[in-house]
Amino acid sequence: MIAVSNKYALEVGSPTPIASERQHTDYLSVLDKLASKENPTKEEEKYAEVLLTLIEVYEEEHHSIPDASPVEVLRTLMDANDLRQKDLAPIFGSESIVSEILHKKRGLNKTHIEKLSKRFRISPAVFF
């Protein structure tokens, strides 16, 4: 068992898999307290690792964000920036190419991705 100060202890005693939003909130609170501690002990660091693992597992199962296709990412960026197809023509070369990409008749190529990542100031990785 990992020994930690009562100040960081959970109501359940030792950490268990998270089964509710309330438990998730409690674990986040304790992890936040541990993370803000200047000189945690080795035991507290181990405790924080266990909490983090349990939190990650719970969030992956209950709060995961599904992967988006490159076209979905592009459409979201267009919506967020109030852009239309014609606004992206300089990146793609023409409105018809933008249309083909948005209707999945053509894929994004390396040049498109590079230009889009610069235009929106995001990592090219979001388009993969």
N, C-alpha and C. Protein backbone atom coordinates (compact mmCIF):
# COMPACT_ATOMS: atom_id res chain seq x y z
N MET A 1 0.84 -1.19 0.00
CA MET A 1 0.00 0.00 0.00
C MET A 1 0.88 1.24 0.00
N ILE A 2 0.45 2.25 -0.72
CA ILE A 2 1.18 3.50 -0.81
C ILE A 2 0.73 4.40 0.33
N ALA A 3 1.69 4.84 1.14
CA ALA A 3 1.38 5.70 2.28
C ALA A 3 1.47 7.16 1.87
N VAL A 4 0.38 7.90 2.07
CA VAL A 4 0.37 9.33 1.79
C VAL A 4 -0.30 10.05 2.94
N SER A 5 -0.05 11.32 3.02
CA SER A 5 -0.65 12.14 4.07
C SER A 5 -2.17 12.07 3.97
N ASN A 6 -2.83 12.14 5.11
CA ASN A 6 -4.30 12.13 5.14
C ASN A 6 -4.90 13.25 4.29
N LYS A 7 -4.15 14.32 4.13
CA LYS A 7 -4.60 15.46 3.34
C LYS A 7 -4.87 15.07 1.88
N TYR A 8 -4.19 14.00 1.40
CA TYR A 8 -4.35 13.56 0.02
C TYR A 8 -5.15 12.25 -0.10
N ALA A 9 -5.55 11.73 1.02
CA ALA A 9 -6.26 10.45 1.01
C ALA A 9 -7.67 10.61 0.44
N LEU A 10 -8.11 9.57 -0.21
CA LEU A 10 -9.46 9.54 -0.75
C LEU A 10 -10.39 8.93 0.27
N GLU A 11 -11.68 9.21 0.12
CA GLU A 11 -12.67 8.64 1.04
C GLU A 11 -12.66 7.12 1.01
N VAL A 12 -12.35 6.54 -0.13
CA VAL A 12 -12.37 5.08 -0.25
C VAL A 12 -11.11 4.44 0.33
N GLY A 13 -10.17 5.24 0.80
CA GLY A 13 -8.93 4.69 1.36
C GLY A 13 -7.87 4.58 0.29
N SER A 14 -7.88 3.49 -0.44
CA SER A 14 -6.90 3.35 -1.52
C SER A 14 -7.63 3.49 -2.86
N PRO A 15 -6.93 3.98 -3.87
CA PRO A 15 -7.57 4.20 -5.17
C PRO A 15 -8.10 2.90 -5.79
N THR A 16 -9.26 3.01 -6.39
CA THR A 16 -9.88 1.90 -7.11
C THR A 16 -10.32 2.41 -8.47
N PRO A 17 -10.64 1.53 -9.40
CA PRO A 17 -11.14 2.02 -10.70
C PRO A 17 -12.31 2.97 -10.50
N ILE A 18 -12.33 4.02 -11.29
CA ILE A 18 -13.36 5.05 -11.16
C ILE A 18 -14.69 4.55 -11.74
N ALA A 19 -15.75 4.72 -10.95
CA ALA A 19 -17.06 4.20 -11.34
C ALA A 19 -18.12 5.29 -11.48
N SER A 20 -17.77 6.55 -11.17
CA SER A 20 -18.77 7.61 -11.25
C SER A 20 -18.10 8.96 -11.51
N GLU A 21 -18.91 9.91 -11.94
CA GLU A 21 -18.39 11.27 -12.15
C GLU A 21 -17.91 11.88 -10.84
N ARG A 22 -18.62 11.59 -9.77
CA ARG A 22 -18.23 12.11 -8.45
C ARG A 22 -16.84 11.60 -8.06
N GLN A 23 -16.62 10.31 -8.24
CA GLN A 23 -15.33 9.71 -7.94
C GLN A 23 -14.25 10.31 -8.85
N HIS A 24 -14.58 10.52 -10.10
CA HIS A 24 -13.66 11.12 -11.06
C HIS A 24 -13.25 12.52 -10.57
N THR A 25 -14.23 13.30 -10.15
CA THR A 25 -13.98 14.65 -9.63
C THR A 25 -13.09 14.60 -8.40
N ASP A 26 -13.36 13.66 -7.49
CA ASP A 26 -12.56 13.52 -6.28
C ASP A 26 -11.11 13.20 -6.62
N TYR A 27 -10.91 12.27 -7.55
CA TYR A 27 -9.55 11.87 -7.93
C TYR A 27 -8.82 13.04 -8.58
N LEU A 28 -9.53 13.81 -9.43
CA LEU A 28 -8.91 14.98 -10.05
C LEU A 28 -8.49 16.00 -9.00
N SER A 29 -9.33 16.19 -8.02
CA SER A 29 -9.03 17.14 -6.94
C SER A 29 -7.77 16.74 -6.19
N VAL A 30 -7.69 15.48 -5.83
CA VAL A 30 -6.51 15.00 -5.09
C VAL A 30 -5.27 15.09 -5.97
N LEU A 31 -5.41 14.71 -7.24
CA LEU A 31 -4.26 14.78 -8.15
C LEU A 31 -3.79 16.22 -8.31
N ASP A 32 -4.73 17.14 -8.37
CA ASP A 32 -4.38 18.56 -8.48
C ASP A 32 -3.60 19.02 -7.25
N LYS A 33 -4.03 18.61 -6.07
CA LYS A 33 -3.32 18.98 -4.84
C LYS A 33 -1.91 18.41 -4.85
N LEU A 34 -1.79 17.16 -5.27
CA LEU A 34 -0.46 16.53 -5.31
C LEU A 34 0.43 17.20 -6.34
N ALA A 35 -0.13 17.57 -7.47
CA ALA A 35 0.65 18.19 -8.54
C ALA A 35 1.15 19.58 -8.14
N SER A 36 0.41 20.25 -7.27
CA SER A 36 0.83 21.59 -6.87
C SER A 36 1.78 21.58 -5.68
N LYS A 37 2.05 20.42 -5.12
CA LYS A 37 2.97 20.31 -4.00
C LYS A 37 4.41 20.48 -4.50
N GLU A 38 5.18 21.30 -3.81
CA GLU A 38 6.54 21.61 -4.25
C GLU A 38 7.50 20.43 -4.18
N ASN A 39 7.51 19.72 -3.09
CA ASN A 39 8.44 18.61 -2.92
C ASN A 39 7.71 17.35 -2.48
N PRO A 40 7.02 16.70 -3.42
CA PRO A 40 6.29 15.49 -3.04
C PRO A 40 7.26 14.36 -2.69
N THR A 41 6.83 13.52 -1.78
CA THR A 41 7.64 12.36 -1.42
C THR A 41 7.53 11.33 -2.55
N LYS A 42 8.39 10.33 -2.50
CA LYS A 42 8.34 9.25 -3.50
C LYS A 42 6.98 8.55 -3.43
N GLU A 43 6.47 8.37 -2.23
CA GLU A 43 5.17 7.72 -2.05
C GLU A 43 4.06 8.55 -2.67
N GLU A 44 4.12 9.86 -2.47
CA GLU A 44 3.11 10.73 -3.05
C GLU A 44 3.19 10.73 -4.58
N GLU A 45 4.40 10.65 -5.12
CA GLU A 45 4.56 10.57 -6.57
C GLU A 45 3.96 9.27 -7.11
N LYS A 46 4.18 8.17 -6.40
CA LYS A 46 3.59 6.88 -6.81
C LYS A 46 2.07 6.95 -6.75
N TYR A 47 1.57 7.55 -5.70
CA TYR A 47 0.12 7.71 -5.51
C TYR A 47 -0.47 8.52 -6.66
N ALA A 48 0.21 9.62 -7.02
CA ALA A 48 -0.24 10.47 -8.12
C ALA A 48 -0.25 9.69 -9.43
N GLU A 49 0.75 8.85 -9.65
CA GLU A 49 0.81 8.03 -10.86
C GLU A 49 -0.38 7.07 -10.93
N VAL A 50 -0.71 6.46 -9.80
CA VAL A 50 -1.86 5.54 -9.76
C VAL A 50 -3.14 6.31 -10.07
N LEU A 51 -3.32 7.46 -9.44
CA LEU A 51 -4.51 8.27 -9.70
C LEU A 51 -4.59 8.68 -11.16
N LEU A 52 -3.46 9.12 -11.71
CA LEU A 52 -3.45 9.55 -13.10
C LEU A 52 -3.83 8.41 -14.04
N THR A 53 -3.33 7.23 -13.78
CA THR A 53 -3.68 6.07 -14.60
C THR A 53 -5.17 5.78 -14.53
N LEU A 54 -5.72 5.79 -13.34
CA LEU A 54 -7.16 5.53 -13.18
C LEU A 54 -8.00 6.62 -13.85
N ILE A 55 -7.56 7.86 -13.74
CA ILE A 55 -8.27 8.98 -14.37
C ILE A 55 -8.22 8.84 -15.89
N GLU A 56 -7.06 8.52 -16.43
CA GLU A 56 -6.92 8.37 -17.89
C GLU A 56 -7.82 7.25 -18.42
N VAL A 57 -7.87 6.14 -17.71
CA VAL A 57 -8.71 5.02 -18.14
C VAL A 57 -10.18 5.44 -18.15
N TYR A 58 -10.61 6.10 -17.09
CA TYR A 58 -12.00 6.55 -17.00
C TYR A 58 -12.32 7.56 -18.11
N GLU A 59 -11.44 8.53 -18.32
CA GLU A 59 -11.70 9.56 -19.31
C GLU A 59 -11.70 8.99 -20.73
N GLU A 60 -10.84 8.04 -20.98
CA GLU A 60 -10.83 7.40 -22.31
C GLU A 60 -12.15 6.71 -22.59
N GLU A 61 -12.71 6.11 -21.56
CA GLU A 61 -13.97 5.38 -21.72
C GLU A 61 -15.19 6.29 -21.73
N HIS A 62 -15.16 7.35 -20.92
CA HIS A 62 -16.36 8.18 -20.75
C HIS A 62 -16.29 9.57 -21.37
N HIS A 63 -15.10 10.04 -21.68
CA HIS A 63 -14.97 11.41 -22.19
C HIS A 63 -14.12 11.48 -23.45
N SER A 64 -13.99 10.38 -24.16
CA SER A 64 -13.11 10.38 -25.32
C SER A 64 -13.72 11.19 -26.47
N ILE A 65 -12.85 11.77 -27.23
CA ILE A 65 -13.25 12.53 -28.40
C ILE A 65 -12.94 11.66 -29.62
N PRO A 66 -13.94 11.35 -30.41
CA PRO A 66 -13.70 10.48 -31.56
C PRO A 66 -12.76 11.14 -32.57
N ASP A 67 -11.99 10.32 -33.26
CA ASP A 67 -11.12 10.83 -34.30
C ASP A 67 -11.96 11.44 -35.41
N ALA A 68 -11.46 12.51 -35.97
CA ALA A 68 -12.16 13.18 -37.06
C ALA A 68 -11.38 12.97 -38.35
N SER A 69 -12.09 12.85 -39.45
CA SER A 69 -11.43 12.72 -40.74
C SER A 69 -10.83 14.07 -41.13
N PRO A 70 -9.88 14.07 -42.05
CA PRO A 70 -9.31 15.35 -42.50
C PRO A 70 -10.38 16.32 -43.02
N VAL A 71 -11.39 15.81 -43.71
CA VAL A 71 -12.46 16.67 -44.23
C VAL A 71 -13.28 17.25 -43.08
N GLU A 72 -13.56 16.44 -42.06
CA GLU A 72 -14.31 16.94 -40.90
C GLU A 72 -13.51 18.04 -40.18
N VAL A 73 -12.20 17.84 -40.08
CA VAL A 73 -11.34 18.86 -39.47
C VAL A 73 -11.41 20.15 -40.29
N LEU A 74 -11.28 20.01 -41.60
CA LEU A 74 -11.33 21.18 -42.47
C LEU A 74 -12.68 21.90 -42.37
N ARG A 75 -13.76 21.15 -42.38
CA ARG A 75 -15.09 21.77 -42.26
C ARG A 75 -15.24 22.50 -40.92
N THR A 76 -14.75 21.90 -39.85
CA THR A 76 -14.81 22.52 -38.53
C THR A 76 -14.01 23.81 -38.51
N LEU A 77 -12.81 23.79 -39.11
CA LEU A 77 -11.98 24.99 -39.17
C LEU A 77 -12.66 26.08 -40.00
N MET A 78 -13.30 25.68 -41.09
CA MET A 78 -14.02 26.65 -41.92
C MET A 78 -15.16 27.28 -41.13
N ASP A 79 -15.93 26.44 -40.43
CA ASP A 79 -17.05 26.96 -39.63
C ASP A 79 -16.56 27.89 -38.53
N ALA A 80 -15.51 27.47 -37.84
CA ALA A 80 -14.99 28.25 -36.71
C ALA A 80 -14.45 29.60 -37.16
N ASN A 81 -13.97 29.67 -38.41
CA ASN A 81 -13.39 30.91 -38.92
C ASN A 81 -14.30 31.62 -39.91
N ASP A 82 -15.55 31.13 -39.99
CA ASP A 82 -16.57 31.73 -40.87
C ASP A 82 -16.05 31.87 -42.31
N LEU A 83 -15.51 30.75 -42.83
CA LEU A 83 -14.96 30.74 -44.19
C LEU A 83 -15.86 29.95 -45.13
N ARG A 84 -15.82 30.33 -46.40
CA ARG A 84 -16.53 29.59 -47.43
C ARG A 84 -15.50 28.98 -48.37
N GLN A 85 -15.99 28.16 -49.29
CA GLN A 85 -15.10 27.49 -50.23
C GLN A 85 -14.20 28.48 -50.97
N LYS A 86 -14.78 29.58 -51.40
CA LYS A 86 -14.00 30.54 -52.18
C LYS A 86 -12.85 31.15 -51.37
N ASP A 87 -13.01 31.18 -50.03
CA ASP A 87 -11.95 31.72 -49.18
C ASP A 87 -10.73 30.81 -49.15
N LEU A 88 -10.91 29.54 -49.46
CA LEU A 88 -9.79 28.59 -49.45
C LEU A 88 -9.22 28.34 -50.84
N ALA A 89 -9.80 28.95 -51.85
CA ALA A 89 -9.31 28.76 -53.22
C ALA A 89 -7.82 29.08 -53.37
N PRO A 90 -7.30 30.13 -52.73
CA PRO A 90 -5.86 30.40 -52.87
C PRO A 90 -4.97 29.25 -52.34
N ILE A 91 -5.45 28.53 -51.36
CA ILE A 91 -4.69 27.40 -50.80
C ILE A 91 -4.73 26.21 -51.75
N PHE A 92 -5.88 25.94 -52.32
CA PHE A 92 -6.07 24.75 -53.14
C PHE A 92 -5.89 24.99 -54.63
N GLY A 93 -5.92 26.24 -55.06
CA GLY A 93 -5.76 26.55 -56.48
C GLY A 93 -7.05 26.95 -57.15
N SER A 94 -8.17 26.41 -56.70
CA SER A 94 -9.46 26.80 -57.27
C SER A 94 -10.59 26.35 -56.34
N GLU A 95 -11.74 26.97 -56.54
CA GLU A 95 -12.92 26.59 -55.75
C GLU A 95 -13.36 25.17 -56.07
N SER A 96 -13.16 24.74 -57.31
CA SER A 96 -13.58 23.39 -57.68
C SER A 96 -12.77 22.32 -56.94
N ILE A 97 -11.50 22.58 -56.71
CA ILE A 97 -10.68 21.62 -55.94
C ILE A 97 -11.16 21.60 -54.49
N VAL A 98 -11.46 22.77 -53.94
CA VAL A 98 -12.01 22.83 -52.57
C VAL A 98 -13.28 22.00 -52.50
N SER A 99 -14.16 22.16 -53.47
CA SER A 99 -15.41 21.42 -53.51
C SER A 99 -15.16 19.91 -53.58
N GLU A 100 -14.25 19.50 -54.44
CA GLU A 100 -13.94 18.08 -54.57
C GLU A 100 -13.41 17.49 -53.26
N ILE A 101 -12.60 18.25 -52.56
CA ILE A 101 -12.06 17.78 -51.28
C ILE A 101 -13.17 17.70 -50.24
N LEU A 102 -14.01 18.73 -50.17
CA LEU A 102 -15.09 18.74 -49.19
C LEU A 102 -16.13 17.66 -49.46
N HIS A 103 -16.25 17.22 -50.70
CA HIS A 103 -17.19 16.16 -51.05
C HIS A 103 -16.50 14.80 -51.17
N LYS A 104 -15.27 14.75 -50.68
CA LYS A 104 -14.47 13.51 -50.61
C LYS A 104 -14.24 12.86 -51.97
N LYS A 105 -14.20 13.67 -53.02
CA LYS A 105 -13.88 13.16 -54.35
C LYS A 105 -12.38 13.24 -54.61
N ARG A 106 -11.70 13.98 -53.75
CA ARG A 106 -10.26 14.17 -53.85
C ARG A 106 -9.72 14.29 -52.43
N GLY A 107 -8.53 13.77 -52.21
CA GLY A 107 -7.92 13.85 -50.89
C GLY A 107 -7.00 15.05 -50.75
N LEU A 108 -6.68 15.36 -49.52
CA LEU A 108 -5.70 16.42 -49.27
C LEU A 108 -4.32 15.88 -49.58
N ASN A 109 -3.51 16.71 -50.24
CA ASN A 109 -2.13 16.29 -50.48
C ASN A 109 -1.20 17.03 -49.52
N LYS A 110 0.07 16.70 -49.60
CA LYS A 110 1.05 17.27 -48.67
C LYS A 110 1.08 18.80 -48.74
N THR A 111 1.02 19.35 -49.94
CA THR A 111 1.05 20.81 -50.11
C THR A 111 -0.18 21.45 -49.48
N HIS A 112 -1.35 20.85 -49.70
CA HIS A 112 -2.58 21.38 -49.09
C HIS A 112 -2.45 21.41 -47.58
N ILE A 113 -1.98 20.30 -47.01
CA ILE A 113 -1.87 20.17 -45.55
C ILE A 113 -0.90 21.21 -45.00
N GLU A 114 0.23 21.39 -45.68
CA GLU A 114 1.20 22.39 -45.22
C GLU A 114 0.59 23.79 -45.23
N LYS A 115 -0.11 24.12 -46.31
CA LYS A 115 -0.72 25.45 -46.42
C LYS A 115 -1.84 25.64 -45.39
N LEU A 116 -2.65 24.59 -45.20
CA LEU A 116 -3.73 24.68 -44.21
C LEU A 116 -3.17 24.84 -42.79
N SER A 117 -2.12 24.10 -42.48
CA SER A 117 -1.56 24.19 -41.13
C SER A 117 -1.00 25.59 -40.87
N LYS A 118 -0.41 26.21 -41.90
CA LYS A 118 0.08 27.58 -41.76
C LYS A 118 -1.08 28.56 -41.66
N ARG A 119 -2.09 28.37 -42.49
CA ARG A 119 -3.25 29.27 -42.51
C ARG A 119 -3.97 29.29 -41.17
N PHE A 120 -4.15 28.10 -40.58
CA PHE A 120 -4.90 28.01 -39.33
C PHE A 120 -3.99 27.93 -38.10
N ARG A 121 -2.69 27.96 -38.32
CA ARG A 121 -1.70 27.89 -37.22
C ARG A 121 -1.93 26.66 -36.34
N ILE A 122 -2.00 25.52 -36.99
CA ILE A 122 -2.18 24.25 -36.29
C ILE A 122 -1.17 23.24 -36.81
N SER A 123 -1.01 22.18 -36.09
CA SER A 123 -0.09 21.11 -36.51
C SER A 123 -0.64 20.41 -37.73
N PRO A 124 0.23 20.06 -38.69
CA PRO A 124 -0.23 19.29 -39.84
C PRO A 124 -0.81 17.92 -39.42
N ALA A 125 -0.44 17.44 -38.26
CA ALA A 125 -0.89 16.14 -37.78
C ALA A 125 -2.41 16.05 -37.64
N VAL A 126 -3.10 17.15 -37.47
CA VAL A 126 -4.56 17.08 -37.32
C VAL A 126 -5.26 16.61 -38.58
N PHE A 127 -4.55 16.64 -39.70
CA PHE A 127 -5.15 16.20 -40.96
C PHE A 127 -4.85 14.75 -41.30
N PHE A 128 -4.27 14.02 -40.34
CA PHE A 128 -3.96 12.61 -40.59
C PHE A 128 -4.80 11.70 -39.73
